[in-house]
């Protein structure tokens, strides 16, 4: 299991690069204190044009400890002050927390993500896991990494996020053409539709 913490900002017009630089600096600060972090940009689907800051921790103890250390870091405090005195965007999601229930991230080897958000009852998670296992058997052949997350602290707790991680945008396109439309893959998607509903999808890349 890993703990994932996520922030999302919609940059103001003319402030996109400023917002990106601040999130990149924040990712460096979190990494310095022991988190795995990255700044991202959404280029298609839900949240297109927004930027994200993702942090990963091995458990909640590490997440809480690192957060306390970061909270007193001078560089971190400086960026927080800039958010108040010179805002670069609107914070749409602030410190949403999730945990992995299937797979783990491979951000360095597979930095491009297709995110799919499903509405699902917690009682049906047990039905989703065997399907995810079968999907992994298919996507492993294409060197695609897959993981699934459940919210821990969020305004919407009846959801599951499935992330398909690719080596590049070109790799993503090839796999979508070859595997994503195959009858084997689509039959598993149809099985998932029996107890869950796909609500949104997007493409996220590092910045």
N, C-alpha and C. Protein backbone atom coordinates (compact mmCIF):
# COMPACT_ATOMS: atom_id res chain seq x y z
N UNK A 1 0.83 -1.20 0.00
CA UNK A 1 0.00 0.00 0.00
C UNK A 1 0.86 1.25 0.00
N UNK A 2 0.40 2.26 -0.70
CA UNK A 2 1.00 3.59 -0.65
C UNK A 2 -0.08 4.61 -0.36
N UNK A 3 0.33 5.72 0.22
CA UNK A 3 -0.58 6.84 0.47
C UNK A 3 -0.29 7.92 -0.56
N UNK A 4 -1.33 8.37 -1.24
CA UNK A 4 -1.20 9.37 -2.30
C UNK A 4 -1.92 10.64 -1.88
N UNK A 5 -1.23 11.78 -1.97
CA UNK A 5 -1.82 13.08 -1.65
C UNK A 5 -1.76 13.94 -2.91
N UNK A 6 -2.88 14.62 -3.20
CA UNK A 6 -3.00 15.30 -4.50
C UNK A 6 -3.58 16.70 -4.33
N UNK A 7 -2.95 17.65 -5.03
CA UNK A 7 -3.49 19.01 -5.15
C UNK A 7 -3.69 19.32 -6.62
N UNK A 8 -4.71 20.12 -6.92
CA UNK A 8 -5.01 20.50 -8.30
C UNK A 8 -5.31 21.99 -8.37
N UNK A 9 -4.64 22.68 -9.30
CA UNK A 9 -4.83 24.11 -9.49
C UNK A 9 -5.22 24.40 -10.93
N UNK A 10 -6.18 25.30 -11.10
CA UNK A 10 -6.50 25.83 -12.42
C UNK A 10 -5.83 27.19 -12.54
N UNK A 11 -4.77 27.31 -13.35
CA UNK A 11 -4.02 28.57 -13.41
C UNK A 11 -4.86 29.73 -13.95
N UNK A 12 -4.61 30.92 -13.44
CA UNK A 12 -5.21 32.12 -14.01
C UNK A 12 -4.58 32.39 -15.37
N UNK A 13 -5.33 33.08 -16.23
CA UNK A 13 -4.81 33.45 -17.55
C UNK A 13 -3.51 34.24 -17.40
N UNK A 14 -2.50 33.80 -18.11
CA UNK A 14 -1.20 34.46 -18.05
C UNK A 14 -0.32 34.03 -16.89
N UNK A 15 -0.83 33.12 -16.03
CA UNK A 15 -0.08 32.70 -14.85
C UNK A 15 0.29 31.21 -14.89
N UNK A 16 0.09 30.58 -16.04
CA UNK A 16 0.33 29.14 -16.12
C UNK A 16 1.75 28.74 -15.78
N UNK A 17 2.73 29.44 -16.36
CA UNK A 17 4.12 29.10 -16.10
C UNK A 17 4.51 29.37 -14.65
N UNK A 18 3.94 30.41 -14.08
CA UNK A 18 4.21 30.72 -12.67
C UNK A 18 3.71 29.59 -11.78
N UNK A 19 2.48 29.15 -12.04
CA UNK A 19 1.90 28.06 -11.25
C UNK A 19 2.70 26.78 -11.42
N UNK A 20 3.13 26.49 -12.64
CA UNK A 20 3.94 25.29 -12.88
C UNK A 20 5.25 25.34 -12.10
N UNK A 21 5.92 26.47 -12.13
CA UNK A 21 7.20 26.59 -11.44
C UNK A 21 7.03 26.43 -9.93
N UNK A 22 5.93 26.93 -9.39
CA UNK A 22 5.69 26.79 -7.96
C UNK A 22 5.44 25.32 -7.60
N UNK A 23 4.69 24.61 -8.42
CA UNK A 23 4.43 23.21 -8.13
C UNK A 23 5.70 22.37 -8.31
N UNK A 24 6.54 22.71 -9.29
CA UNK A 24 7.80 22.01 -9.45
C UNK A 24 8.69 22.23 -8.24
N UNK A 25 8.73 23.45 -7.72
CA UNK A 25 9.52 23.74 -6.52
C UNK A 25 8.97 22.98 -5.31
N UNK A 26 7.64 22.93 -5.19
CA UNK A 26 7.04 22.19 -4.09
C UNK A 26 7.38 20.70 -4.18
N UNK A 27 7.36 20.15 -5.38
CA UNK A 27 7.69 18.73 -5.53
C UNK A 27 9.13 18.47 -5.08
N UNK A 28 10.04 19.41 -5.38
CA UNK A 28 11.43 19.28 -4.94
C UNK A 28 11.54 19.33 -3.42
N UNK A 29 10.74 20.20 -2.80
CA UNK A 29 10.77 20.31 -1.33
C UNK A 29 10.29 19.01 -0.70
N UNK A 30 9.18 18.47 -1.19
CA UNK A 30 8.66 17.21 -0.63
C UNK A 30 9.65 16.07 -0.83
N UNK A 31 10.29 16.03 -1.99
CA UNK A 31 11.28 14.98 -2.24
C UNK A 31 12.45 15.10 -1.27
N UNK A 32 12.83 16.32 -0.97
CA UNK A 32 13.95 16.55 -0.06
C UNK A 32 13.68 15.97 1.33
N UNK A 33 12.41 15.92 1.71
CA UNK A 33 12.06 15.41 3.04
C UNK A 33 11.64 13.94 3.01
N UNK A 34 11.76 13.29 1.83
CA UNK A 34 11.55 11.84 1.80
C UNK A 34 10.34 11.35 1.04
N UNK A 35 9.50 12.24 0.54
CA UNK A 35 8.35 11.82 -0.26
C UNK A 35 8.80 11.58 -1.70
N UNK A 36 7.99 10.82 -2.43
CA UNK A 36 8.13 10.76 -3.89
C UNK A 36 7.10 11.73 -4.44
N UNK A 37 7.53 12.69 -5.26
CA UNK A 37 6.62 13.75 -5.67
C UNK A 37 6.84 14.11 -7.13
N UNK A 38 5.80 14.65 -7.75
CA UNK A 38 5.93 15.15 -9.13
C UNK A 38 4.88 16.22 -9.40
N UNK A 39 5.25 17.16 -10.26
CA UNK A 39 4.31 18.16 -10.76
C UNK A 39 3.81 17.69 -12.11
N UNK A 40 2.52 17.89 -12.37
CA UNK A 40 1.90 17.32 -13.56
C UNK A 40 1.01 18.34 -14.26
N UNK A 41 0.65 18.02 -15.49
CA UNK A 41 -0.27 18.84 -16.26
C UNK A 41 -1.30 17.93 -16.93
N UNK A 42 -2.58 18.37 -16.93
CA UNK A 42 -3.63 17.62 -17.60
C UNK A 42 -3.80 18.15 -19.02
N UNK A 43 -3.70 17.26 -20.00
CA UNK A 43 -3.71 17.70 -21.39
C UNK A 43 -4.93 17.23 -22.18
N UNK A 44 -5.78 16.40 -21.57
CA UNK A 44 -7.00 15.95 -22.24
C UNK A 44 -7.99 15.43 -21.21
N UNK A 45 -9.27 15.56 -21.54
CA UNK A 45 -10.31 15.05 -20.66
C UNK A 45 -10.58 15.96 -19.48
N UNK A 46 -11.00 15.36 -18.36
CA UNK A 46 -11.31 16.12 -17.15
C UNK A 46 -10.09 16.91 -16.69
N UNK A 47 -10.31 18.14 -16.28
CA UNK A 47 -9.27 19.03 -15.74
C UNK A 47 -8.23 19.47 -16.77
N UNK A 48 -8.55 19.40 -18.06
CA UNK A 48 -7.60 19.85 -19.08
C UNK A 48 -7.17 21.30 -18.80
N UNK A 49 -5.86 21.53 -18.86
CA UNK A 49 -5.31 22.85 -18.60
C UNK A 49 -4.92 23.08 -17.16
N UNK A 50 -5.33 22.17 -16.27
CA UNK A 50 -4.98 22.30 -14.85
C UNK A 50 -3.63 21.63 -14.58
N UNK A 51 -3.02 21.99 -13.46
CA UNK A 51 -1.77 21.36 -13.05
C UNK A 51 -1.97 20.71 -11.69
N UNK A 52 -1.19 19.64 -11.47
CA UNK A 52 -1.34 18.90 -10.23
C UNK A 52 -0.01 18.72 -9.50
N UNK A 53 -0.10 18.50 -8.22
CA UNK A 53 1.05 18.15 -7.39
C UNK A 53 0.70 16.85 -6.68
N UNK A 54 1.47 15.78 -6.99
CA UNK A 54 1.20 14.46 -6.44
C UNK A 54 2.34 14.05 -5.54
N UNK A 55 2.01 13.56 -4.35
CA UNK A 55 3.01 13.04 -3.42
C UNK A 55 2.65 11.62 -3.03
N UNK A 56 3.66 10.77 -2.94
CA UNK A 56 3.45 9.38 -2.57
C UNK A 56 4.29 9.05 -1.34
N UNK A 57 3.68 8.33 -0.40
CA UNK A 57 4.34 7.93 0.85
C UNK A 57 4.11 6.44 1.07
N UNK A 58 5.02 5.75 1.75
CA UNK A 58 4.84 4.33 1.97
C UNK A 58 3.70 3.99 2.93
N UNK A 59 3.37 4.92 3.84
CA UNK A 59 2.28 4.68 4.78
C UNK A 59 1.86 6.02 5.40
N UNK A 60 0.83 5.96 6.25
CA UNK A 60 0.30 7.19 6.84
C UNK A 60 1.26 7.79 7.87
N UNK A 61 2.03 6.94 8.53
CA UNK A 61 3.00 7.45 9.49
C UNK A 61 4.03 8.32 8.79
N UNK A 62 4.56 7.84 7.68
CA UNK A 62 5.54 8.61 6.92
C UNK A 62 4.92 9.89 6.37
N UNK A 63 3.69 9.78 5.88
CA UNK A 63 3.01 10.95 5.32
C UNK A 63 2.85 12.04 6.37
N UNK A 64 2.43 11.67 7.57
CA UNK A 64 2.22 12.64 8.64
C UNK A 64 3.54 13.25 9.09
N UNK A 65 4.57 12.43 9.19
CA UNK A 65 5.87 12.91 9.63
C UNK A 65 6.48 13.90 8.64
N UNK A 66 6.43 13.54 7.35
CA UNK A 66 7.01 14.40 6.33
C UNK A 66 6.23 15.71 6.22
N UNK A 67 4.91 15.64 6.33
CA UNK A 67 4.09 16.85 6.24
C UNK A 67 4.47 17.84 7.34
N UNK A 68 4.71 17.34 8.55
CA UNK A 68 5.09 18.23 9.64
C UNK A 68 6.44 18.88 9.38
N UNK A 69 7.37 18.13 8.81
CA UNK A 69 8.69 18.69 8.51
C UNK A 69 8.60 19.74 7.40
N UNK A 70 7.82 19.43 6.36
CA UNK A 70 7.66 20.37 5.25
C UNK A 70 7.00 21.66 5.72
N UNK A 71 6.07 21.54 6.65
CA UNK A 71 5.29 22.70 7.10
C UNK A 71 6.13 23.79 7.74
N UNK A 72 7.34 23.44 8.18
CA UNK A 72 8.21 24.44 8.79
C UNK A 72 9.40 24.81 7.90
N UNK A 73 9.40 24.31 6.67
CA UNK A 73 10.50 24.61 5.75
C UNK A 73 10.36 26.03 5.21
N UNK A 74 11.41 26.85 5.24
CA UNK A 74 11.33 28.25 4.80
C UNK A 74 10.89 28.40 3.34
N UNK A 75 11.41 27.53 2.45
CA UNK A 75 11.01 27.63 1.04
C UNK A 75 9.53 27.32 0.86
N UNK A 76 9.05 26.32 1.59
CA UNK A 76 7.64 25.95 1.53
C UNK A 76 6.77 27.11 2.04
N UNK A 77 7.17 27.71 3.12
CA UNK A 77 6.41 28.82 3.69
C UNK A 77 6.41 30.03 2.75
N UNK A 78 7.50 30.21 2.05
CA UNK A 78 7.58 31.31 1.08
C UNK A 78 6.57 31.11 -0.05
N UNK A 79 6.46 29.88 -0.54
CA UNK A 79 5.50 29.61 -1.61
C UNK A 79 4.07 29.77 -1.10
N UNK A 80 3.82 29.34 0.12
CA UNK A 80 2.48 29.53 0.70
C UNK A 80 2.15 31.02 0.80
N UNK A 81 3.13 31.81 1.16
CA UNK A 81 2.92 33.25 1.25
C UNK A 81 2.60 33.85 -0.12
N UNK A 82 3.30 33.37 -1.16
CA UNK A 82 3.03 33.85 -2.51
C UNK A 82 1.62 33.49 -2.96
N UNK A 83 1.14 32.35 -2.50
CA UNK A 83 -0.24 31.95 -2.83
C UNK A 83 -1.24 32.98 -2.30
N UNK A 84 -0.91 33.61 -1.17
CA UNK A 84 -1.80 34.61 -0.58
C UNK A 84 -1.59 35.99 -1.20
N UNK A 85 -0.34 36.34 -1.46
CA UNK A 85 -0.03 37.71 -1.91
C UNK A 85 -0.01 37.85 -3.43
N UNK A 86 0.29 36.76 -4.13
CA UNK A 86 0.35 36.80 -5.59
C UNK A 86 -0.16 35.48 -6.15
N UNK A 87 -1.46 35.20 -6.01
CA UNK A 87 -2.00 33.90 -6.45
C UNK A 87 -1.84 33.70 -7.96
N UNK A 88 -1.54 32.45 -8.33
CA UNK A 88 -1.34 32.11 -9.74
C UNK A 88 -2.48 31.27 -10.30
N UNK A 89 -3.42 30.89 -9.45
CA UNK A 89 -4.53 30.07 -9.92
C UNK A 89 -5.51 29.78 -8.79
N UNK A 90 -6.57 29.05 -9.16
CA UNK A 90 -7.59 28.65 -8.18
C UNK A 90 -7.35 27.21 -7.77
N UNK A 91 -7.28 26.98 -6.46
CA UNK A 91 -7.06 25.63 -5.94
C UNK A 91 -8.38 24.86 -6.02
N UNK A 92 -8.45 23.88 -6.92
CA UNK A 92 -9.67 23.08 -7.09
C UNK A 92 -9.71 21.90 -6.13
N UNK A 93 -8.55 21.30 -5.89
CA UNK A 93 -8.43 20.18 -4.95
C UNK A 93 -7.23 20.46 -4.06
N UNK A 94 -7.45 20.42 -2.76
CA UNK A 94 -6.37 20.72 -1.82
C UNK A 94 -6.19 19.55 -0.86
N UNK A 95 -5.07 18.87 -1.03
CA UNK A 95 -4.67 17.79 -0.14
C UNK A 95 -5.72 16.68 -0.06
N UNK A 96 -6.14 16.19 -1.20
CA UNK A 96 -6.98 15.00 -1.24
C UNK A 96 -6.10 13.78 -1.02
N UNK A 97 -6.55 12.85 -0.17
CA UNK A 97 -5.72 11.71 0.22
C UNK A 97 -6.38 10.41 -0.23
N UNK A 98 -5.56 9.53 -0.81
CA UNK A 98 -6.04 8.23 -1.25
C UNK A 98 -5.02 7.16 -0.87
N UNK A 99 -5.40 5.91 -1.02
CA UNK A 99 -4.47 4.80 -0.80
C UNK A 99 -4.58 3.82 -1.96
N UNK A 100 -3.48 3.20 -2.28
CA UNK A 100 -3.50 2.22 -3.35
C UNK A 100 -4.11 0.92 -2.85
N UNK A 101 -4.93 0.31 -3.70
CA UNK A 101 -5.50 -1.01 -3.38
C UNK A 101 -5.05 -2.05 -4.40
N UNK A 102 -4.39 -1.56 -5.47
CA UNK A 102 -3.90 -2.47 -6.50
C UNK A 102 -2.72 -1.82 -7.21
N UNK A 103 -1.60 -2.51 -7.25
CA UNK A 103 -0.43 -1.99 -7.96
C UNK A 103 0.23 -0.82 -7.26
N UNK A 104 1.34 -0.38 -7.83
CA UNK A 104 2.07 0.78 -7.32
C UNK A 104 2.54 1.62 -8.50
N UNK A 105 2.84 2.89 -8.23
CA UNK A 105 3.23 3.81 -9.29
C UNK A 105 4.61 3.49 -9.84
N UNK A 106 4.78 3.77 -11.14
CA UNK A 106 6.10 3.72 -11.79
C UNK A 106 6.29 5.05 -12.52
N UNK A 107 6.43 6.11 -11.74
CA UNK A 107 6.46 7.45 -12.33
C UNK A 107 7.68 7.68 -13.20
N UNK A 108 8.81 7.11 -12.86
CA UNK A 108 10.02 7.39 -13.62
C UNK A 108 10.04 6.64 -14.96
N UNK A 109 9.66 5.38 -14.96
CA UNK A 109 9.67 4.62 -16.22
C UNK A 109 8.41 4.83 -17.04
N UNK A 110 7.30 5.12 -16.37
CA UNK A 110 6.00 5.29 -17.05
C UNK A 110 5.36 6.60 -16.59
N UNK A 111 5.84 7.75 -17.09
CA UNK A 111 5.42 9.05 -16.56
C UNK A 111 4.08 9.58 -17.08
N UNK A 112 3.56 8.98 -18.16
CA UNK A 112 2.30 9.47 -18.75
C UNK A 112 1.14 8.62 -18.22
N UNK A 113 0.11 9.26 -17.70
CA UNK A 113 -0.99 8.53 -17.07
C UNK A 113 -2.32 8.80 -17.75
N UNK A 114 -3.09 7.73 -17.96
CA UNK A 114 -4.50 7.85 -18.31
C UNK A 114 -5.27 7.54 -17.04
N UNK A 115 -6.04 8.51 -16.55
CA UNK A 115 -6.77 8.37 -15.30
C UNK A 115 -8.25 8.12 -15.61
N UNK A 116 -8.80 7.13 -14.97
CA UNK A 116 -10.23 6.80 -15.16
C UNK A 116 -10.89 6.74 -13.78
N UNK A 117 -11.90 7.57 -13.60
CA UNK A 117 -12.58 7.66 -12.30
C UNK A 117 -13.94 6.97 -12.38
N UNK A 118 -14.12 5.99 -11.48
CA UNK A 118 -15.34 5.19 -11.45
C UNK A 118 -16.15 5.50 -10.19
N UNK A 119 -17.44 5.51 -10.33
CA UNK A 119 -18.34 5.52 -9.19
C UNK A 119 -18.60 4.06 -8.81
N UNK A 120 -18.35 3.73 -7.53
CA UNK A 120 -18.47 2.34 -7.11
C UNK A 120 -18.76 2.27 -5.62
N UNK A 121 -19.55 1.30 -5.22
CA UNK A 121 -19.80 1.06 -3.81
C UNK A 121 -18.61 0.33 -3.19
N UNK A 122 -18.31 0.67 -1.95
CA UNK A 122 -17.19 -0.01 -1.28
C UNK A 122 -17.42 -1.53 -1.23
N UNK A 123 -18.65 -1.95 -1.17
CA UNK A 123 -18.95 -3.38 -1.11
C UNK A 123 -18.63 -4.10 -2.41
N UNK A 124 -18.44 -3.33 -3.50
CA UNK A 124 -18.14 -3.94 -4.80
C UNK A 124 -16.65 -3.92 -5.14
N UNK A 125 -15.83 -3.39 -4.26
CA UNK A 125 -14.39 -3.37 -4.53
C UNK A 125 -13.86 -4.80 -4.71
N UNK A 126 -14.42 -5.72 -3.95
CA UNK A 126 -13.97 -7.11 -4.07
C UNK A 126 -14.23 -7.68 -5.46
N UNK A 127 -15.23 -7.14 -6.15
CA UNK A 127 -15.51 -7.58 -7.52
C UNK A 127 -14.56 -6.94 -8.54
N UNK A 128 -14.05 -5.77 -8.18
CA UNK A 128 -13.16 -5.06 -9.10
C UNK A 128 -11.76 -5.65 -9.13
N UNK A 129 -11.29 -6.13 -8.00
CA UNK A 129 -9.89 -6.60 -7.92
C UNK A 129 -9.56 -7.74 -8.89
N UNK A 130 -10.44 -8.77 -9.04
CA UNK A 130 -10.12 -9.81 -10.02
C UNK A 130 -10.07 -9.28 -11.45
N UNK A 131 -10.90 -8.29 -11.76
CA UNK A 131 -10.88 -7.69 -13.10
C UNK A 131 -9.59 -6.93 -13.32
N UNK A 132 -9.16 -6.20 -12.31
CA UNK A 132 -7.90 -5.48 -12.40
C UNK A 132 -6.73 -6.44 -12.60
N UNK A 133 -6.78 -7.58 -11.95
CA UNK A 133 -5.73 -8.58 -12.12
C UNK A 133 -5.67 -9.08 -13.56
N UNK A 134 -6.83 -9.32 -14.16
CA UNK A 134 -6.88 -9.78 -15.55
C UNK A 134 -6.42 -8.69 -16.51
N UNK A 135 -6.80 -7.43 -16.20
CA UNK A 135 -6.34 -6.32 -17.04
C UNK A 135 -4.83 -6.19 -16.96
N UNK A 136 -4.27 -6.38 -15.77
CA UNK A 136 -2.81 -6.29 -15.61
C UNK A 136 -2.11 -7.36 -16.46
N UNK A 137 -2.68 -8.55 -16.52
CA UNK A 137 -2.08 -9.62 -17.32
C UNK A 137 -2.02 -9.22 -18.79
N UNK A 138 -3.02 -8.46 -19.25
CA UNK A 138 -3.03 -7.99 -20.64
C UNK A 138 -2.06 -6.84 -20.84
N UNK A 139 -2.12 -5.85 -19.94
CA UNK A 139 -1.32 -4.64 -20.13
C UNK A 139 0.17 -4.86 -19.84
N UNK A 140 0.51 -5.86 -19.04
CA UNK A 140 1.92 -6.17 -18.78
C UNK A 140 2.66 -6.46 -20.08
N UNK A 141 1.97 -7.07 -21.03
CA UNK A 141 2.60 -7.41 -22.31
C UNK A 141 2.99 -6.15 -23.08
N UNK A 142 2.29 -5.06 -22.83
CA UNK A 142 2.56 -3.78 -23.51
C UNK A 142 3.42 -2.85 -22.65
N UNK A 143 3.93 -3.35 -21.52
CA UNK A 143 4.74 -2.55 -20.59
C UNK A 143 3.97 -1.36 -20.04
N UNK A 144 2.68 -1.56 -19.82
CA UNK A 144 1.83 -0.56 -19.19
C UNK A 144 1.70 -0.90 -17.71
N UNK A 145 1.87 0.10 -16.86
CA UNK A 145 1.69 -0.12 -15.42
C UNK A 145 0.29 0.30 -15.02
N UNK A 146 -0.36 -0.48 -14.16
CA UNK A 146 -1.71 -0.17 -13.73
C UNK A 146 -1.78 -0.18 -12.21
N UNK A 147 -2.52 0.78 -11.67
CA UNK A 147 -2.77 0.80 -10.23
C UNK A 147 -4.16 1.36 -10.00
N UNK A 148 -4.71 1.08 -8.83
CA UNK A 148 -6.03 1.58 -8.46
C UNK A 148 -5.97 2.18 -7.07
N UNK A 149 -6.73 3.28 -6.88
CA UNK A 149 -6.73 4.00 -5.61
C UNK A 149 -8.14 4.20 -5.10
N UNK A 150 -8.26 4.19 -3.77
CA UNK A 150 -9.51 4.54 -3.10
C UNK A 150 -9.29 5.79 -2.25
N UNK A 151 -10.27 6.68 -2.21
CA UNK A 151 -10.11 7.89 -1.39
C UNK A 151 -10.13 7.57 0.10
N UNK A 152 -9.34 8.30 0.85
CA UNK A 152 -9.34 8.21 2.31
C UNK A 152 -9.91 9.49 2.91
N UNK A 153 -9.46 10.63 2.40
CA UNK A 153 -10.01 11.93 2.78
C UNK A 153 -10.37 12.66 1.48
N UNK A 154 -11.66 12.78 1.21
CA UNK A 154 -12.14 13.34 -0.05
C UNK A 154 -13.60 13.73 0.10
N UNK A 155 -14.05 14.64 -0.74
CA UNK A 155 -15.46 15.02 -0.72
C UNK A 155 -16.33 13.94 -1.36
N UNK A 156 -15.74 13.04 -2.11
CA UNK A 156 -16.48 11.95 -2.75
C UNK A 156 -15.80 10.63 -2.41
N UNK A 157 -16.41 9.87 -1.52
CA UNK A 157 -15.81 8.62 -1.07
C UNK A 157 -16.30 7.41 -1.87
N UNK A 158 -17.29 7.60 -2.72
CA UNK A 158 -17.83 6.49 -3.51
C UNK A 158 -17.20 6.46 -4.89
N UNK A 159 -15.87 6.36 -4.93
CA UNK A 159 -15.17 6.35 -6.20
C UNK A 159 -13.94 5.47 -6.11
N UNK A 160 -13.48 5.06 -7.28
CA UNK A 160 -12.21 4.34 -7.41
C UNK A 160 -11.51 4.91 -8.63
N UNK A 161 -10.23 5.24 -8.47
CA UNK A 161 -9.45 5.77 -9.58
C UNK A 161 -8.50 4.70 -10.09
N UNK A 162 -8.58 4.44 -11.39
CA UNK A 162 -7.69 3.47 -12.03
C UNK A 162 -6.74 4.24 -12.94
N UNK A 163 -5.45 4.04 -12.73
CA UNK A 163 -4.42 4.76 -13.49
C UNK A 163 -3.67 3.79 -14.39
N UNK A 164 -3.63 4.10 -15.67
CA UNK A 164 -2.81 3.36 -16.63
C UNK A 164 -1.60 4.23 -16.93
N UNK A 165 -0.41 3.73 -16.65
CA UNK A 165 0.81 4.52 -16.79
C UNK A 165 1.64 4.02 -17.98
N UNK A 166 1.98 4.97 -18.87
CA UNK A 166 2.67 4.66 -20.12
C UNK A 166 4.07 5.29 -20.14
N UNK A 167 4.91 4.78 -21.04
CA UNK A 167 6.27 5.28 -21.15
C UNK A 167 6.33 6.64 -21.84
N UNK A 168 5.36 6.93 -22.69
CA UNK A 168 5.32 8.19 -23.44
C UNK A 168 3.93 8.35 -24.05
N UNK A 169 3.66 9.51 -24.61
CA UNK A 169 2.40 9.71 -25.31
C UNK A 169 2.29 8.80 -26.53
N UNK A 170 3.43 8.58 -27.23
CA UNK A 170 3.43 7.69 -28.38
C UNK A 170 3.09 6.26 -27.94
N UNK A 171 3.69 5.85 -26.83
CA UNK A 171 3.41 4.52 -26.28
C UNK A 171 1.93 4.41 -25.93
N UNK A 172 1.37 5.44 -25.33
CA UNK A 172 -0.05 5.45 -24.98
C UNK A 172 -0.91 5.25 -26.23
N UNK A 173 -0.62 6.01 -27.29
CA UNK A 173 -1.40 5.90 -28.52
C UNK A 173 -1.34 4.51 -29.11
N UNK A 174 -0.16 3.91 -29.14
CA UNK A 174 0.00 2.57 -29.69
C UNK A 174 -0.83 1.55 -28.92
N UNK A 175 -0.78 1.64 -27.58
CA UNK A 175 -1.49 0.67 -26.74
C UNK A 175 -3.00 0.87 -26.86
N UNK A 176 -3.46 2.10 -26.90
CA UNK A 176 -4.89 2.35 -27.05
C UNK A 176 -5.40 1.78 -28.36
N UNK A 177 -4.63 1.92 -29.43
CA UNK A 177 -5.04 1.38 -30.73
C UNK A 177 -5.05 -0.14 -30.74
N UNK A 178 -4.02 -0.73 -30.13
CA UNK A 178 -3.86 -2.18 -30.22
C UNK A 178 -4.63 -2.94 -29.14
N UNK A 179 -4.45 -2.54 -27.89
CA UNK A 179 -5.00 -3.30 -26.77
C UNK A 179 -6.31 -2.71 -26.25
N UNK A 180 -6.38 -1.37 -26.18
CA UNK A 180 -7.55 -0.74 -25.59
C UNK A 180 -8.84 -1.04 -26.32
N UNK A 181 -8.76 -1.30 -27.60
CA UNK A 181 -9.97 -1.60 -28.39
C UNK A 181 -10.15 -3.09 -28.65
N UNK A 182 -9.29 -3.92 -28.09
CA UNK A 182 -9.39 -5.37 -28.33
C UNK A 182 -10.61 -5.94 -27.63
N UNK A 183 -11.14 -7.03 -28.17
CA UNK A 183 -12.32 -7.67 -27.59
C UNK A 183 -12.04 -8.20 -26.20
N UNK A 184 -10.81 -8.67 -25.96
CA UNK A 184 -10.44 -9.20 -24.64
C UNK A 184 -10.49 -8.10 -23.59
N UNK A 185 -9.93 -6.95 -23.92
CA UNK A 185 -9.91 -5.83 -22.97
C UNK A 185 -11.33 -5.29 -22.78
N UNK A 186 -12.08 -5.10 -23.85
CA UNK A 186 -13.41 -4.53 -23.76
C UNK A 186 -14.38 -5.43 -22.99
N UNK A 187 -14.19 -6.73 -23.05
CA UNK A 187 -15.06 -7.63 -22.29
C UNK A 187 -14.86 -7.44 -20.79
N UNK A 188 -13.62 -7.14 -20.38
CA UNK A 188 -13.36 -6.87 -18.97
C UNK A 188 -13.98 -5.53 -18.56
N UNK A 189 -13.92 -4.55 -19.44
CA UNK A 189 -14.56 -3.26 -19.16
C UNK A 189 -16.06 -3.44 -19.00
N UNK A 190 -16.66 -4.27 -19.83
CA UNK A 190 -18.09 -4.53 -19.73
C UNK A 190 -18.44 -5.22 -18.41
N UNK A 191 -17.57 -6.11 -17.96
CA UNK A 191 -17.79 -6.75 -16.66
C UNK A 191 -17.78 -5.73 -15.53
N UNK A 192 -16.84 -4.77 -15.62
CA UNK A 192 -16.75 -3.73 -14.59
C UNK A 192 -17.98 -2.84 -14.61
N UNK A 193 -18.58 -2.64 -15.78
CA UNK A 193 -19.76 -1.78 -15.89
C UNK A 193 -20.98 -2.36 -15.19
N UNK A 194 -20.92 -3.63 -14.82
CA UNK A 194 -22.05 -4.25 -14.14
C UNK A 194 -22.20 -3.76 -12.70
N UNK A 195 -21.11 -3.28 -12.10
CA UNK A 195 -21.19 -2.83 -10.71
C UNK A 195 -20.53 -1.46 -10.49
N UNK A 196 -20.08 -0.82 -11.56
CA UNK A 196 -19.47 0.51 -11.43
C UNK A 196 -19.81 1.34 -12.65
N UNK A 197 -19.61 2.67 -12.53
CA UNK A 197 -19.89 3.58 -13.64
C UNK A 197 -18.68 4.47 -13.88
N UNK A 198 -18.22 4.48 -15.12
CA UNK A 198 -17.11 5.37 -15.47
C UNK A 198 -17.64 6.80 -15.55
N UNK A 199 -17.10 7.68 -14.69
CA UNK A 199 -17.60 9.06 -14.61
C UNK A 199 -16.72 10.05 -15.34
N UNK A 200 -15.41 9.83 -15.39
CA UNK A 200 -14.51 10.81 -16.03
C UNK A 200 -13.21 10.12 -16.39
N UNK A 201 -12.51 10.71 -17.38
CA UNK A 201 -11.20 10.21 -17.78
C UNK A 201 -10.34 11.39 -18.21
N UNK A 202 -9.03 11.23 -18.07
CA UNK A 202 -8.13 12.32 -18.44
C UNK A 202 -6.74 11.77 -18.72
N UNK A 203 -5.90 12.63 -19.31
CA UNK A 203 -4.50 12.29 -19.55
C UNK A 203 -3.64 13.27 -18.78
N UNK A 204 -2.67 12.75 -18.04
CA UNK A 204 -1.81 13.57 -17.19
C UNK A 204 -0.35 13.30 -17.55
N UNK A 205 0.43 14.38 -17.72
CA UNK A 205 1.85 14.25 -18.07
C UNK A 205 2.68 15.04 -17.08
N UNK A 206 3.95 14.70 -16.91
CA UNK A 206 4.80 15.46 -15.99
C UNK A 206 5.22 16.80 -16.59
N UNK A 207 5.54 17.76 -15.72
CA UNK A 207 6.05 19.04 -16.18
C UNK A 207 7.41 19.30 -15.55
